[in-house]
Amino acid sequence: MDDSRQIGHGNSMSGRKQFDETTALDAATRQFWQYGFANTSISNLESATGLNKSSLYNCFKNKDQLFQLCLDHFEQHYVSRVLRALVEPDFRTALEQLFALAIDTFNDPEFPTGCLATRTALDNIDPNSQVFTLIQAQATRMESAIYTRCKQALTDTQIPENTDCKAMAATIHAMLRGVLVISCANGSTEAAHVAYRFFIQSILAQNGAR
């Protein structure tokens, strides 16, 4: 999708306004992010985006389809900031920066607090629904990125050769989501920072990492 594409209610000759799809998508993303999928209505999305129901359906088809686009937008514009930490050559530093960036990004006062995917997963979504499938796929992609970094640490002999990278990645991923919930629940990031530092120290020491 071309981020600069303009989507019109009609053509400019008819006097109808045009709107930027990315701007509307970001507004919808923040609505889902703050209130969750279940608690976001089409009326809420109209208010958030400034579009009427007809324009929303013409551009985004339905609420499920719009949520899928919002989840993609969330990954591209917000999650990607966090995952950039994984390029750090030193494994311990990469993990420290991963957690610190996640906590800082998802507690930035400019954005809704917490993680869109985690918030949605806690909404008691029907496991047979498309939304549940989307959330699972997003979690799989994130864990896969962490797993790839663990494998690189193994190749670089920064963790022992008998390390179960799949289990390590799953544990890091679970803790990452956990510290975001902690920071939301406490209304402060202090406990989350303390928790991840202790976690990294413990998991690396347990695995005999250098």
C-alpha atoms as a PDB file:
ATOM      1  CA  MET A   1       0.000   0.000   0.000  1.00  0.00           C
ATOM      2  CA  ASP A   2       1.378   3.387  -0.998  1.00  0.00           C
ATOM      3  CA  ASP A   3       1.422   5.479   2.182  1.00  0.00           C
ATOM      4  CA  SER A   4       1.026   8.666   0.209  1.00  0.00           C
ATOM      5  CA  ARG A   5      -2.108   7.553  -1.632  1.00  0.00           C
ATOM      6  CA  GLN A   6      -5.080   9.886  -1.425  1.00  0.00           C
ATOM      7  CA  ILE A   7      -8.467   8.252  -1.145  1.00  0.00           C
ATOM      8  CA  GLY A   8     -11.443  10.381  -2.064  1.00  0.00           C
ATOM      9  CA  HIS A   9     -15.086  10.324  -1.032  1.00  0.00           C
ATOM     10  CA  GLY A  10     -15.600  11.175  -4.637  1.00  0.00           C
ATOM     11  CA  ASN A  11     -13.706  13.222  -7.178  1.00  0.00           C
ATOM     12  CA  SER A  12     -12.466  16.720  -6.493  1.00  0.00           C
ATOM     13  CA  MET A  13     -14.736  18.126  -9.236  1.00  0.00           C
ATOM     14  CA  SER A  14     -17.809  17.149  -7.181  1.00  0.00           C
ATOM     15  CA  GLY A  15     -16.565  19.292  -4.307  1.00  0.00           C
ATOM     16  CA  ARG A  16     -16.184  16.327  -2.001  1.00  0.00           C
ATOM     17  CA  LYS A  17     -13.175  16.177   0.280  1.00  0.00           C
ATOM     18  CA  GLN A  18     -10.264  13.849  -0.138  1.00  0.00           C
ATOM     19  CA  PHE A  19      -8.489  12.224   2.792  1.00  0.00           C
ATOM     20  CA  ASP A  20      -5.126  10.643   3.363  1.00  0.00           C
ATOM     21  CA  GLU A  21      -5.500   6.921   3.966  1.00  0.00           C
ATOM     22  CA  THR A  22      -2.429   6.698   6.208  1.00  0.00           C
ATOM     23  CA  THR A  23      -3.693   9.496   8.457  1.00  0.00           C
ATOM     24  CA  ALA A  24      -7.086   7.801   8.746  1.00  0.00           C
ATOM     25  CA  LEU A  25      -5.411   4.445   9.364  1.00  0.00           C
ATOM     26  CA  ASP A  26      -3.248   5.869  12.130  1.00  0.00           C
ATOM     27  CA  ALA A  27      -6.291   7.436  13.800  1.00  0.00           C
ATOM     28  CA  ALA A  28      -8.160   4.117  13.612  1.00  0.00           C
ATOM     29  CA  THR A  29      -5.096   2.282  14.933  1.00  0.00           C
ATOM     30  CA  ARG A  30      -4.957   4.542  17.969  1.00  0.00           C
ATOM     31  CA  GLN A  31      -8.675   4.009  18.587  1.00  0.00           C
ATOM     32  CA  PHE A  32      -8.260   0.214  18.617  1.00  0.00           C
ATOM     33  CA  TRP A  33      -5.029   0.612  20.591  1.00  0.00           C
ATOM     34  CA  GLN A  34      -6.680   2.628  23.347  1.00  0.00           C
ATOM     35  CA  TYR A  35     -10.025   0.847  23.615  1.00  0.00           C
ATOM     36  CA  GLY A  36      -9.456  -2.587  22.104  1.00  0.00           C
ATOM     37  CA  PHE A  37     -11.260  -4.277  19.237  1.00  0.00           C
ATOM     38  CA  ALA A  38     -14.385  -5.325  21.126  1.00  0.00           C
ATOM     39  CA  ASN A  39     -14.947  -1.883  22.652  1.00  0.00           C
ATOM     40  CA  THR A  40     -14.485   0.011  19.398  1.00  0.00           C
ATOM     41  CA  SER A  41     -17.623   0.602  17.353  1.00  0.00           C
ATOM     42  CA  ILE A  42     -18.013   1.939  13.827  1.00  0.00           C
ATOM     43  CA  SER A  43     -19.328   5.131  15.410  1.00  0.00           C
ATOM     44  CA  ASN A  44     -16.103   5.401  17.446  1.00  0.00           C
ATOM     45  CA  LEU A  45     -14.079   4.916  14.267  1.00  0.00           C
ATOM     46  CA  GLU A  46     -16.086   7.629  12.508  1.00  0.00           C
ATOM     47  CA  SER A  47     -15.262  10.050  15.313  1.00  0.00           C
ATOM     48  CA  ALA A  48     -11.591   9.045  15.441  1.00  0.00           C
ATOM     49  CA  THR A  49     -10.960   9.276  11.701  1.00  0.00           C
ATOM     50  CA  GLY A  50     -13.369  12.065  10.818  1.00  0.00           C
ATOM     51  CA  LEU A  51     -14.862   9.841   8.104  1.00  0.00           C
ATOM     52  CA  ASN A  52     -18.478   8.845   7.740  1.00  0.00           C
ATOM     53  CA  LYS A  53     -19.618   5.232   7.745  1.00  0.00           C
ATOM     54  CA  SER A  54     -19.915   5.098   3.956  1.00  0.00           C
ATOM     55  CA  SER A  55     -16.325   6.268   3.483  1.00  0.00           C
ATOM     56  CA  LEU A  56     -15.032   3.793   6.059  1.00  0.00           C
ATOM     57  CA  TYR A  57     -16.737   0.871   4.329  1.00  0.00           C
ATOM     58  CA  ASN A  58     -15.766   2.033   0.852  1.00  0.00           C
ATOM     59  CA  CYS A  59     -12.111   2.302   1.814  1.00  0.00           C
ATOM     60  CA  PHE A  60     -11.652  -0.401   4.456  1.00  0.00           C
ATOM     61  CA  LYS A  61     -14.548  -2.840   3.696  1.00  0.00           C
ATOM     62  CA  ASN A  62     -15.466  -3.771   7.278  1.00  0.00           C
ATOM     63  CA  LYS A  63     -14.282  -3.548  10.886  1.00  0.00           C
ATOM     64  CA  ASP A  64     -12.276  -6.797  10.727  1.00  0.00           C
ATOM     65  CA  GLN A  65     -10.497  -5.719   7.546  1.00  0.00           C
ATOM     66  CA  LEU A  66      -9.782  -2.304   9.029  1.00  0.00           C
ATOM     67  CA  PHE A  67      -8.354  -3.933  12.157  1.00  0.00           C
ATOM     68  CA  GLN A  68      -6.043  -6.072  10.022  1.00  0.00           C
ATOM     69  CA  LEU A  69      -4.736  -2.950   8.284  1.00  0.00           C
ATOM     70  CA  CYS A  70      -4.367  -1.220  11.655  1.00  0.00           C
ATOM     71  CA  LEU A  71      -2.402  -4.148  13.067  1.00  0.00           C
ATOM     72  CA  ASP A  72      -0.094  -4.024  10.024  1.00  0.00           C
ATOM     73  CA  HIS A  73       0.252  -0.266  10.501  1.00  0.00           C
ATOM     74  CA  PHE A  74       1.021  -0.778  14.196  1.00  0.00           C
ATOM     75  CA  GLU A  75       3.785  -3.241  13.355  1.00  0.00           C
ATOM     76  CA  GLN A  76       5.305  -1.074  10.633  1.00  0.00           C
ATOM     77  CA  HIS A  77       5.269   2.198  12.532  1.00  0.00           C
ATOM     78  CA  TYR A  78       5.525   1.236  16.203  1.00  0.00           C
ATOM     79  CA  VAL A  79       6.680  -2.370  16.748  1.00  0.00           C
ATOM     80  CA  SER A  80       9.461  -1.889  14.203  1.00  0.00           C
ATOM     81  CA  ARG A  81      10.976   0.801  16.448  1.00  0.00           C
ATOM     82  CA  VAL A  82      11.315  -1.760  19.217  1.00  0.00           C
ATOM     83  CA  LEU A  83      12.649  -4.604  17.075  1.00  0.00           C
ATOM     84  CA  ARG A  84      15.443  -2.398  15.746  1.00  0.00           C
ATOM     85  CA  ALA A  85      17.153  -3.059  19.078  1.00  0.00           C
ATOM     86  CA  LEU A  86      17.820  -6.628  17.953  1.00  0.00           C
ATOM     87  CA  VAL A  87      20.468  -5.508  15.453  1.00  0.00           C
ATOM     88  CA  GLU A  88      22.776  -4.614  18.355  1.00  0.00           C
ATOM     89  CA  PRO A  89      25.781  -7.015  18.060  1.00  0.00           C
ATOM     90  CA  ASP A  90      26.072  -7.757  21.783  1.00  0.00           C
ATOM     91  CA  PHE A  91      23.222 -10.067  22.816  1.00  0.00           C
ATOM     92  CA  ARG A  92      22.822  -8.753  26.363  1.00  0.00           C
ATOM     93  CA  THR A  93      22.760  -5.174  25.117  1.00  0.00           C
ATOM     94  CA  ALA A  94      20.261  -6.118  22.402  1.00  0.00           C
ATOM     95  CA  LEU A  95      17.896  -7.574  24.998  1.00  0.00           C
ATOM     96  CA  GLU A  96      18.289  -4.607  27.326  1.00  0.00           C
ATOM     97  CA  GLN A  97      17.519  -2.203  24.499  1.00  0.00           C
ATOM     98  CA  LEU A  98      14.594  -4.348  23.298  1.00  0.00           C
ATOM     99  CA  PHE A  99      12.876  -4.131  26.680  1.00  0.00           C
ATOM    100  CA  ALA A 100      13.783  -0.502  27.309  1.00  0.00           C
ATOM    101  CA  LEU A 101      12.522   0.589  23.875  1.00  0.00           C
ATOM    102  CA  ALA A 102       9.293  -1.391  24.282  1.00  0.00           C
ATOM    103  CA  ILE A 103       8.579   0.163  27.664  1.00  0.00           C
ATOM    104  CA  ASP A 104       9.452   3.679  26.500  1.00  0.00           C
ATOM    105  CA  THR A 105       7.580   3.423  23.184  1.00  0.00           C
ATOM    106  CA  PHE A 106       4.399   1.936  24.584  1.00  0.00           C
ATOM    107  CA  ASN A 107       4.326   4.354  27.504  1.00  0.00           C
ATOM    108  CA  ASP A 108       5.015   7.435  25.412  1.00  0.00           C
ATOM    109  CA  PRO A 109       2.348  10.035  26.330  1.00  0.00           C
ATOM    110  CA  GLU A 110       1.873  10.733  22.617  1.00  0.00           C
ATOM    111  CA  PHE A 111       0.494   7.205  22.120  1.00  0.00           C
ATOM    112  CA  PRO A 112      -2.104   5.065  23.881  1.00  0.00           C
ATOM    113  CA  THR A 113      -0.538   3.063  26.701  1.00  0.00           C
ATOM    114  CA  GLY A 114       0.438  -0.565  26.196  1.00  0.00           C
ATOM    115  CA  CYS A 115       0.505  -2.784  23.125  1.00  0.00           C
ATOM    116  CA  LEU A 116      -2.356  -2.987  20.617  1.00  0.00           C
ATOM    117  CA  ALA A 117      -1.930  -6.740  20.103  1.00  0.00           C
ATOM    118  CA  THR A 118      -1.695  -7.521  23.822  1.00  0.00           C
ATOM    119  CA  ARG A 119      -4.702  -5.330  24.633  1.00  0.00           C
ATOM    120  CA  THR A 120      -6.741  -7.077  21.948  1.00  0.00           C
ATOM    121  CA  ALA A 121      -5.655 -10.521  23.150  1.00  0.00           C
ATOM    122  CA  LEU A 122      -6.965  -9.632  26.615  1.00  0.00           C
ATOM    123  CA  ASP A 123     -10.361  -8.659  25.177  1.00  0.00           C
ATOM    124  CA  ASN A 124     -11.654 -12.245  25.386  1.00  0.00           C
ATOM    125  CA  ILE A 125     -11.742 -12.462  21.577  1.00  0.00           C
ATOM    126  CA  ASP A 126     -13.440 -15.515  20.053  1.00  0.00           C
ATOM    127  CA  PRO A 127     -10.616 -18.001  19.251  1.00  0.00           C
ATOM    128  CA  ASN A 128     -12.387 -18.871  16.004  1.00  0.00           C
ATOM    129  CA  SER A 129     -12.508 -15.275  14.808  1.00  0.00           C
ATOM    130  CA  GLN A 130     -10.380 -13.596  12.165  1.00  0.00           C
ATOM    131  CA  VAL A 131      -9.156 -11.092  14.751  1.00  0.00           C
ATOM    132  CA  PHE A 132      -7.836 -13.873  16.988  1.00  0.00           C
ATOM    133  CA  THR A 133      -5.990 -15.356  14.007  1.00  0.00           C
ATOM    134  CA  LEU A 134      -4.452 -11.966  13.236  1.00  0.00           C
ATOM    135  CA  ILE A 135      -3.265 -11.543  16.822  1.00  0.00           C
ATOM    136  CA  GLN A 136      -1.735 -15.024  16.807  1.00  0.00           C
ATOM    137  CA  ALA A 137       0.075 -14.292  13.546  1.00  0.00           C
ATOM    138  CA  GLN A 138       1.447 -11.021  14.925  1.00  0.00           C
ATOM    139  CA  ALA A 139       2.723 -12.793  18.039  1.00  0.00           C
ATOM    140  CA  THR A 140       4.356 -15.459  15.872  1.00  0.00           C
ATOM    141  CA  ARG A 141       6.158 -12.829  13.792  1.00  0.00           C
ATOM    142  CA  MET A 142       7.497 -11.071  16.865  1.00  0.00           C
ATOM    143  CA  GLU A 143       8.648 -14.291  18.484  1.00  0.00           C
ATOM    144  CA  SER A 144      10.268 -15.325  15.214  1.00  0.00           C
ATOM    145  CA  ALA A 145      12.305 -12.091  15.181  1.00  0.00           C
ATOM    146  CA  ILE A 146      13.478 -12.772  18.727  1.00  0.00           C
ATOM    147  CA  TYR A 147      14.268 -16.395  17.843  1.00  0.00           C
ATOM    148  CA  THR A 148      16.399 -15.269  14.901  1.00  0.00           C
ATOM    149  CA  ARG A 149      18.365 -13.009  17.246  1.00  0.00           C
ATOM    150  CA  CYS A 150      18.842 -15.850  19.726  1.00  0.00           C
ATOM    151  CA  LYS A 151      20.157 -18.066  16.922  1.00  0.00           C
ATOM    152  CA  GLN A 152      22.585 -15.325  15.942  1.00  0.00           C
ATOM    153  CA  ALA A 153      23.795 -15.138  19.545  1.00  0.00           C
ATOM    154  CA  LEU A 154      24.322 -18.889  19.402  1.00  0.00           C
ATOM    155  CA  THR A 155      26.327 -18.574  16.183  1.00  0.00           C
ATOM    156  CA  ASP A 156      28.384 -15.774  17.733  1.00  0.00           C
ATOM    157  CA  THR A 157      29.053 -17.981  20.802  1.00  0.00           C
ATOM    158  CA  GLN A 158      27.430 -15.405  23.072  1.00  0.00           C
ATOM    159  CA  ILE A 159      25.240 -18.146  24.540  1.00  0.00           C
ATOM    160  CA  PRO A 160      26.139 -21.831  25.066  1.00  0.00           C
ATOM    161  CA  GLU A 161      25.814 -24.220  22.119  1.00  0.00           C
ATOM    162  CA  ASN A 162      23.217 -26.329  23.964  1.00  0.00           C
ATOM    163  CA  THR A 163      20.847 -23.353  24.435  1.00  0.00           C
ATOM    164  CA  ASP A 164      17.258 -24.055  23.374  1.00  0.00           C
ATOM    165  CA  CYS A 165      16.760 -20.925  21.273  1.00  0.00           C
ATOM    166  CA  LYS A 166      13.096 -21.639  20.659  1.00  0.00           C
ATOM    167  CA  ALA A 167      12.364 -21.852  24.388  1.00  0.00           C
ATOM    168  CA  MET A 168      14.518 -18.796  25.067  1.00  0.00           C
ATOM    169  CA  ALA A 169      12.699 -16.743  22.431  1.00  0.00           C
ATOM    170  CA  ALA A 170       9.293 -17.791  23.772  1.00  0.00           C
ATOM    171  CA  THR A 171      10.341 -16.817  27.302  1.00  0.00           C
ATOM    172  CA  ILE A 172      11.723 -13.431  26.213  1.00  0.00           C
ATOM    173  CA  HIS A 173       8.579 -12.738  24.203  1.00  0.00           C
ATOM    174  CA  ALA A 174       6.314 -13.623  27.129  1.00  0.00           C
ATOM    175  CA  MET A 175       8.317 -11.423  29.490  1.00  0.00           C
ATOM    176  CA  LEU A 176       8.285  -8.562  26.992  1.00  0.00           C
ATOM    177  CA  ARG A 177       4.494  -8.583  26.892  1.00  0.00           C
ATOM    178  CA  GLY A 178       4.392  -9.014  30.649  1.00  0.00           C
ATOM    179  CA  VAL A 179       6.429  -5.911  31.443  1.00  0.00           C
ATOM    180  CA  LEU A 180       4.113  -3.850  29.230  1.00  0.00           C
ATOM    181  CA  VAL A 181       1.121  -5.074  31.231  1.00  0.00           C
ATOM    182  CA  ILE A 182       2.974  -4.286  34.464  1.00  0.00           C
ATOM    183  CA  SER A 183       3.717  -0.731  33.355  1.00  0.00           C
ATOM    184  CA  CYS A 184       0.054  -0.219  32.389  1.00  0.00           C
ATOM    185  CA  ALA A 185      -1.242  -1.666  35.641  1.00  0.00           C
ATOM    186  CA  ASN A 186       1.149   0.331  37.826  1.00  0.00           C
ATOM    187  CA  GLY A 187       0.859   3.580  35.940  1.00  0.00           C
ATOM    188  CA  SER A 188       4.654   3.729  36.136  1.00  0.00           C
ATOM    189  CA  THR A 189       7.532   2.195  34.198  1.00  0.00           C
ATOM    190  CA  GLU A 190       9.838   1.797  37.198  1.00  0.00           C
ATOM    191  CA  ALA A 191       8.726  -1.727  38.154  1.00  0.00           C
ATOM    192  CA  ALA A 192       8.848  -2.823  34.504  1.00  0.00           C
ATOM    193  CA  HIS A 193      12.466  -1.668  34.158  1.00  0.00           C
ATOM    194  CA  VAL A 194      13.455  -3.439  37.386  1.00  0.00           C
ATOM    195  CA  ALA A 195      11.697  -6.628  36.238  1.00  0.00           C
ATOM    196  CA  TYR A 196      13.334  -6.860  32.831  1.00  0.00           C
ATOM    197  CA  ARG A 197      16.818  -6.155  34.171  1.00  0.00           C
ATOM    198  CA  PHE A 198      16.477  -8.963  36.709  1.00  0.00           C
ATOM    199  CA  PHE A 199      14.984 -11.223  34.034  1.00  0.00           C
ATOM    200  CA  ILE A 200      17.852 -10.675  31.581  1.00  0.00           C
ATOM    201  CA  GLN A 201      20.430 -11.239  34.283  1.00  0.00           C
ATOM    202  CA  SER A 202      18.672 -14.433  35.377  1.00  0.00           C
ATOM    203  CA  ILE A 203      18.025 -15.954  31.958  1.00  0.00           C
ATOM    204  CA  LEU A 204      21.567 -15.321  30.726  1.00  0.00           C
ATOM    205  CA  ALA A 205      23.135 -16.577  33.941  1.00  0.00           C
ATOM    206  CA  GLN A 206      20.932 -19.681  33.867  1.00  0.00           C
ATOM    207  CA  ASN A 207      22.043 -20.413  30.317  1.00  0.00           C
ATOM    208  CA  GLY A 208      25.684 -19.714  31.090  1.00  0.00           C
ATOM    209  CA  ALA A 209      25.877 -16.812  28.690  1.00  0.00           C
ATOM    210  CA  ARG A 210      28.917 -14.622  28.786  1.00  0.00           C
END
